[in-house]
Amino acid sequence: QVQLLESGGGLVQAGGSLRLSCTASRSIIGASVRGWYRQAPGKQRELVASITTEGATNYADSVKGRFTISRDSAANTVYLQMNSLKPEDTAVYYCKTSTLHNIYWGRGTQVTVSS
């Protein structure tokens, strides 16, 4: 079993930046996709960004050009650098790791952007 621990959330003013981190409790063996999702109150959870083992990335249209996902496989960590934050980015951000046979979720970290 793999546990995912997110950190880096908080309160920031519009236009500010935050960097989220998600560290796995052990190495992820084999191919995997690591991603960040978010869920705002009253809304469905949505994909924010993902990155494959090979480094291919995918972003939601709403965050393209503002957010950057990266991974440090040696540290079992995936990052989400969030710049030019907007109030509509306010949500709980969840880390997800998908392997061939398993899906793991973190417990989430709150991001609040004030106007």
N, C-alpha and C. Protein backbone atom coordinates (compact mmCIF):
# COMPACT_ATOMS: atom_id res chain seq x y z
N GLN A 1 0.84 -1.19 0.00
CA GLN A 1 0.00 0.00 0.00
C GLN A 1 0.88 1.25 0.00
N VAL A 2 0.46 2.25 -0.75
CA VAL A 2 1.19 3.50 -0.84
C VAL A 2 0.34 4.61 -0.24
N GLN A 3 0.94 5.38 0.64
CA GLN A 3 0.27 6.57 1.17
C GLN A 3 0.84 7.79 0.48
N LEU A 4 -0.05 8.73 0.15
CA LEU A 4 0.35 9.98 -0.47
C LEU A 4 0.10 11.11 0.51
N LEU A 5 1.09 11.95 0.72
CA LEU A 5 0.97 13.06 1.66
C LEU A 5 1.17 14.37 0.92
N GLU A 6 0.12 15.18 0.88
CA GLU A 6 0.19 16.49 0.23
C GLU A 6 0.59 17.55 1.23
N SER A 7 1.24 18.58 0.75
CA SER A 7 1.59 19.73 1.57
C SER A 7 1.71 20.96 0.67
N GLY A 8 1.73 22.13 1.30
CA GLY A 8 1.96 23.35 0.55
C GLY A 8 0.74 24.21 0.32
N GLY A 9 -0.42 23.73 0.73
CA GLY A 9 -1.62 24.54 0.57
C GLY A 9 -1.63 25.70 1.54
N GLY A 10 -2.61 26.60 1.38
CA GLY A 10 -2.72 27.73 2.28
C GLY A 10 -3.57 28.82 1.70
N LEU A 11 -3.46 29.98 2.31
CA LEU A 11 -4.22 31.17 1.89
C LEU A 11 -3.28 32.13 1.18
N VAL A 12 -3.69 32.58 0.01
CA VAL A 12 -2.86 33.49 -0.76
C VAL A 12 -3.76 34.50 -1.46
N GLN A 13 -3.23 35.68 -1.71
CA GLN A 13 -4.00 36.70 -2.44
C GLN A 13 -3.99 36.40 -3.93
N ALA A 14 -4.99 36.88 -4.61
CA ALA A 14 -5.04 36.73 -6.06
C ALA A 14 -3.77 37.29 -6.68
N GLY A 15 -3.24 36.56 -7.65
CA GLY A 15 -1.99 36.93 -8.28
C GLY A 15 -0.78 36.30 -7.65
N GLY A 16 -0.96 35.69 -6.50
CA GLY A 16 0.14 35.08 -5.79
C GLY A 16 0.46 33.68 -6.28
N SER A 17 1.40 33.03 -5.59
CA SER A 17 1.86 31.71 -5.98
C SER A 17 1.90 30.76 -4.79
N LEU A 18 1.74 29.49 -5.08
CA LEU A 18 1.92 28.42 -4.11
C LEU A 18 2.55 27.24 -4.83
N ARG A 19 3.27 26.42 -4.08
CA ARG A 19 3.77 25.17 -4.63
C ARG A 19 3.29 24.02 -3.75
N LEU A 20 2.57 23.12 -4.36
CA LEU A 20 2.10 21.92 -3.68
C LEU A 20 3.09 20.79 -3.89
N SER A 21 3.22 19.95 -2.87
CA SER A 21 4.06 18.76 -2.96
C SER A 21 3.24 17.54 -2.58
N CYS A 22 3.54 16.43 -3.20
CA CYS A 22 2.89 15.17 -2.87
C CYS A 22 3.97 14.11 -2.83
N THR A 23 4.21 13.56 -1.64
CA THR A 23 5.25 12.57 -1.47
C THR A 23 4.65 11.21 -1.18
N ALA A 24 5.10 10.21 -1.90
CA ALA A 24 4.64 8.84 -1.70
C ALA A 24 5.46 8.17 -0.60
N SER A 25 4.82 7.26 0.12
CA SER A 25 5.47 6.62 1.27
C SER A 25 6.54 5.63 0.84
N ARG A 26 6.49 5.21 -0.42
CA ARG A 26 7.55 4.34 -0.94
C ARG A 26 7.65 4.55 -2.44
N SER A 27 8.68 3.97 -3.01
CA SER A 27 8.90 4.12 -4.45
C SER A 27 7.74 3.52 -5.23
N ILE A 28 7.39 4.20 -6.30
CA ILE A 28 6.37 3.70 -7.22
C ILE A 28 7.09 2.89 -8.30
N ILE A 29 6.86 1.58 -8.27
CA ILE A 29 7.55 0.69 -9.20
C ILE A 29 6.78 0.63 -10.50
N GLY A 30 7.51 0.75 -11.62
CA GLY A 30 6.87 0.63 -12.91
C GLY A 30 6.28 1.94 -13.38
N ALA A 31 5.62 1.85 -14.51
CA ALA A 31 5.02 3.04 -15.11
C ALA A 31 3.88 3.57 -14.25
N SER A 32 3.77 4.87 -14.20
CA SER A 32 2.71 5.47 -13.41
C SER A 32 2.36 6.84 -13.97
N VAL A 33 1.16 7.26 -13.64
CA VAL A 33 0.74 8.63 -13.93
C VAL A 33 0.44 9.28 -12.59
N ARG A 34 1.05 10.42 -12.36
CA ARG A 34 0.81 11.15 -11.12
C ARG A 34 0.11 12.44 -11.47
N GLY A 35 -0.89 12.77 -10.70
CA GLY A 35 -1.67 13.95 -11.05
C GLY A 35 -2.19 14.70 -9.86
N TRP A 36 -2.66 15.89 -10.15
CA TRP A 36 -3.33 16.74 -9.17
C TRP A 36 -4.76 16.97 -9.64
N TYR A 37 -5.67 16.82 -8.71
CA TYR A 37 -7.08 17.09 -8.93
C TYR A 37 -7.52 18.13 -7.91
N ARG A 38 -8.66 18.76 -8.17
CA ARG A 38 -9.19 19.69 -7.18
C ARG A 38 -10.71 19.59 -7.14
N GLN A 39 -11.23 19.94 -5.98
CA GLN A 39 -12.67 19.92 -5.80
C GLN A 39 -13.08 21.15 -4.99
N ALA A 40 -13.87 21.98 -5.64
CA ALA A 40 -14.41 23.16 -4.98
C ALA A 40 -15.76 22.81 -4.37
N PRO A 41 -16.21 23.57 -3.38
CA PRO A 41 -17.51 23.27 -2.74
C PRO A 41 -18.64 23.23 -3.76
N GLY A 42 -19.42 22.16 -3.72
CA GLY A 42 -20.55 22.03 -4.61
C GLY A 42 -20.21 21.63 -6.03
N LYS A 43 -18.95 21.34 -6.28
CA LYS A 43 -18.53 20.97 -7.63
C LYS A 43 -17.89 19.59 -7.63
N GLN A 44 -17.81 19.01 -8.83
CA GLN A 44 -17.17 17.71 -8.96
C GLN A 44 -15.66 17.85 -8.95
N ARG A 45 -15.01 16.79 -8.54
CA ARG A 45 -13.54 16.77 -8.58
C ARG A 45 -13.10 16.79 -10.05
N GLU A 46 -12.10 17.60 -10.34
CA GLU A 46 -11.63 17.74 -11.71
C GLU A 46 -10.12 17.62 -11.78
N LEU A 47 -9.65 17.15 -12.93
CA LEU A 47 -8.22 17.05 -13.17
C LEU A 47 -7.64 18.45 -13.35
N VAL A 48 -6.53 18.69 -12.67
CA VAL A 48 -5.79 19.94 -12.85
C VAL A 48 -4.60 19.71 -13.76
N ALA A 49 -3.79 18.71 -13.44
CA ALA A 49 -2.60 18.43 -14.23
C ALA A 49 -2.14 17.01 -13.93
N SER A 50 -1.47 16.41 -14.90
CA SER A 50 -0.92 15.07 -14.70
C SER A 50 0.41 14.97 -15.40
N ILE A 51 1.21 13.98 -14.97
CA ILE A 51 2.53 13.75 -15.58
C ILE A 51 2.81 12.26 -15.56
N THR A 52 3.32 11.75 -16.68
CA THR A 52 3.63 10.34 -16.78
C THR A 52 5.06 10.07 -16.33
N THR A 53 5.40 8.80 -16.26
CA THR A 53 6.76 8.39 -15.91
C THR A 53 7.77 8.97 -16.90
N GLU A 54 7.35 9.08 -18.16
CA GLU A 54 8.22 9.60 -19.20
C GLU A 54 8.28 11.12 -19.22
N GLY A 55 7.44 11.76 -18.39
CA GLY A 55 7.48 13.21 -18.32
C GLY A 55 6.45 13.93 -19.17
N ALA A 56 5.57 13.19 -19.82
CA ALA A 56 4.53 13.84 -20.61
C ALA A 56 3.51 14.46 -19.66
N THR A 57 3.11 15.69 -19.97
CA THR A 57 2.20 16.42 -19.09
C THR A 57 0.88 16.74 -19.77
N ASN A 58 -0.12 16.94 -18.93
CA ASN A 58 -1.45 17.31 -19.40
C ASN A 58 -2.03 18.30 -18.41
N TYR A 59 -2.69 19.35 -18.93
CA TYR A 59 -3.24 20.38 -18.06
C TYR A 59 -4.68 20.68 -18.41
N ALA A 60 -5.45 21.04 -17.40
CA ALA A 60 -6.78 21.57 -17.66
C ALA A 60 -6.62 22.92 -18.35
N ASP A 61 -7.55 23.23 -19.24
CA ASP A 61 -7.46 24.50 -19.97
C ASP A 61 -7.42 25.69 -19.02
N SER A 62 -8.10 25.58 -17.91
CA SER A 62 -8.22 26.71 -16.99
C SER A 62 -6.91 27.06 -16.28
N VAL A 63 -5.93 26.15 -16.32
CA VAL A 63 -4.67 26.41 -15.61
C VAL A 63 -3.47 26.47 -16.55
N LYS A 64 -3.68 26.23 -17.82
CA LYS A 64 -2.56 26.26 -18.77
C LYS A 64 -1.88 27.62 -18.75
N GLY A 65 -0.56 27.59 -18.71
CA GLY A 65 0.21 28.82 -18.68
C GLY A 65 0.41 29.39 -17.28
N ARG A 66 -0.32 28.85 -16.31
CA ARG A 66 -0.19 29.34 -14.93
C ARG A 66 0.37 28.28 -13.98
N PHE A 67 0.01 27.03 -14.20
CA PHE A 67 0.44 25.93 -13.33
C PHE A 67 1.45 25.06 -14.06
N THR A 68 2.38 24.50 -13.29
CA THR A 68 3.37 23.58 -13.84
C THR A 68 3.50 22.36 -12.93
N ILE A 69 3.35 21.19 -13.52
CA ILE A 69 3.52 19.96 -12.77
C ILE A 69 4.90 19.38 -13.07
N SER A 70 5.53 18.81 -12.06
CA SER A 70 6.83 18.18 -12.24
C SER A 70 6.96 17.03 -11.24
N ARG A 71 7.91 16.15 -11.50
CA ARG A 71 8.09 15.03 -10.58
C ARG A 71 9.56 14.79 -10.33
N ASP A 72 9.86 14.36 -9.12
CA ASP A 72 11.21 13.95 -8.73
C ASP A 72 11.10 12.49 -8.31
N SER A 73 11.39 11.61 -9.25
CA SER A 73 11.19 10.19 -8.98
C SER A 73 12.08 9.69 -7.86
N ALA A 74 13.28 10.23 -7.76
CA ALA A 74 14.18 9.80 -6.69
C ALA A 74 13.61 10.12 -5.32
N ALA A 75 12.84 11.19 -5.22
CA ALA A 75 12.25 11.61 -3.96
C ALA A 75 10.80 11.15 -3.84
N ASN A 76 10.32 10.40 -4.83
CA ASN A 76 8.92 9.92 -4.83
C ASN A 76 7.93 11.07 -4.69
N THR A 77 8.26 12.20 -5.28
CA THR A 77 7.47 13.41 -5.07
C THR A 77 7.03 14.03 -6.40
N VAL A 78 5.83 14.53 -6.42
CA VAL A 78 5.32 15.30 -7.54
C VAL A 78 4.94 16.68 -7.02
N TYR A 79 5.19 17.69 -7.84
CA TYR A 79 4.96 19.06 -7.44
C TYR A 79 3.93 19.71 -8.37
N LEU A 80 3.28 20.73 -7.83
CA LEU A 80 2.42 21.58 -8.65
C LEU A 80 2.74 23.02 -8.30
N GLN A 81 3.43 23.69 -9.21
CA GLN A 81 3.73 25.11 -9.04
C GLN A 81 2.56 25.90 -9.60
N MET A 82 1.96 26.72 -8.76
CA MET A 82 0.77 27.48 -9.14
C MET A 82 1.09 28.96 -9.08
N ASN A 83 1.04 29.61 -10.22
CA ASN A 83 1.31 31.04 -10.31
C ASN A 83 0.05 31.77 -10.77
N SER A 84 0.05 33.08 -10.58
CA SER A 84 -1.08 33.91 -11.02
C SER A 84 -2.40 33.34 -10.53
N LEU A 85 -2.45 33.00 -9.27
CA LEU A 85 -3.63 32.35 -8.73
C LEU A 85 -4.85 33.27 -8.76
N LYS A 86 -6.01 32.65 -8.99
CA LYS A 86 -7.27 33.37 -9.07
C LYS A 86 -8.23 32.85 -7.99
N PRO A 87 -9.19 33.64 -7.59
CA PRO A 87 -10.17 33.15 -6.60
C PRO A 87 -10.84 31.85 -7.02
N GLU A 88 -11.04 31.68 -8.32
CA GLU A 88 -11.69 30.45 -8.79
C GLU A 88 -10.79 29.22 -8.69
N ASP A 89 -9.54 29.41 -8.31
CA ASP A 89 -8.65 28.27 -8.05
C ASP A 89 -8.85 27.71 -6.63
N THR A 90 -9.65 28.38 -5.84
CA THR A 90 -9.91 27.92 -4.49
C THR A 90 -10.57 26.55 -4.50
N ALA A 91 -9.97 25.61 -3.79
CA ALA A 91 -10.46 24.23 -3.76
C ALA A 91 -9.58 23.40 -2.83
N VAL A 92 -10.02 22.18 -2.60
CA VAL A 92 -9.15 21.19 -1.98
C VAL A 92 -8.42 20.48 -3.11
N TYR A 93 -7.12 20.43 -3.02
CA TYR A 93 -6.29 19.82 -4.05
C TYR A 93 -5.84 18.44 -3.59
N TYR A 94 -6.08 17.46 -4.46
CA TYR A 94 -5.76 16.08 -4.15
C TYR A 94 -4.69 15.55 -5.09
N CYS A 95 -3.81 14.75 -4.55
CA CYS A 95 -2.79 14.07 -5.33
C CYS A 95 -3.29 12.67 -5.65
N LYS A 96 -3.03 12.22 -6.86
CA LYS A 96 -3.43 10.88 -7.28
C LYS A 96 -2.27 10.21 -7.99
N THR A 97 -2.08 8.94 -7.72
CA THR A 97 -1.09 8.15 -8.43
C THR A 97 -1.75 6.91 -8.97
N SER A 98 -1.59 6.69 -10.26
CA SER A 98 -2.17 5.52 -10.93
C SER A 98 -1.06 4.66 -11.49
N THR A 99 -1.10 3.38 -11.13
CA THR A 99 -0.18 2.41 -11.72
C THR A 99 -0.99 1.42 -12.54
N LEU A 100 -0.35 0.40 -13.04
CA LEU A 100 -1.06 -0.58 -13.86
C LEU A 100 -2.18 -1.24 -13.08
N HIS A 101 -1.97 -1.48 -11.80
CA HIS A 101 -2.93 -2.25 -11.01
C HIS A 101 -3.59 -1.47 -9.88
N ASN A 102 -3.13 -0.28 -9.57
CA ASN A 102 -3.64 0.41 -8.39
C ASN A 102 -3.84 1.91 -8.63
N ILE A 103 -4.72 2.47 -7.84
CA ILE A 103 -4.92 3.92 -7.80
C ILE A 103 -4.85 4.36 -6.34
N TYR A 104 -4.06 5.39 -6.10
CA TYR A 104 -3.89 5.91 -4.75
C TYR A 104 -4.26 7.39 -4.74
N TRP A 105 -4.90 7.80 -3.65
CA TRP A 105 -5.28 9.21 -3.45
C TRP A 105 -4.71 9.72 -2.14
N GLY A 106 -4.32 10.98 -2.15
CA GLY A 106 -3.98 11.64 -0.91
C GLY A 106 -5.24 12.19 -0.26
N ARG A 107 -5.09 12.77 0.92
CA ARG A 107 -6.24 13.27 1.67
C ARG A 107 -6.59 14.70 1.30
N GLY A 108 -5.72 15.36 0.57
CA GLY A 108 -6.03 16.70 0.10
C GLY A 108 -5.40 17.81 0.92
N THR A 109 -5.21 18.94 0.28
CA THR A 109 -4.71 20.14 0.94
C THR A 109 -5.52 21.33 0.43
N GLN A 110 -5.91 22.20 1.35
CA GLN A 110 -6.78 23.33 1.00
C GLN A 110 -5.97 24.47 0.40
N VAL A 111 -6.46 24.98 -0.70
CA VAL A 111 -5.91 26.19 -1.32
C VAL A 111 -7.03 27.22 -1.36
N THR A 112 -6.77 28.37 -0.76
CA THR A 112 -7.76 29.46 -0.75
C THR A 112 -7.12 30.71 -1.33
N VAL A 113 -7.75 31.25 -2.36
CA VAL A 113 -7.24 32.45 -3.01
C VAL A 113 -8.23 33.58 -2.75
N SER A 114 -7.76 34.62 -2.08
CA SER A 114 -8.62 35.74 -1.76
C SER A 114 -8.53 36.82 -2.84
N SER A 115 -9.63 37.50 -3.05
CA SER A 115 -9.65 38.54 -4.09
C SER A 115 -9.24 39.90 -3.55
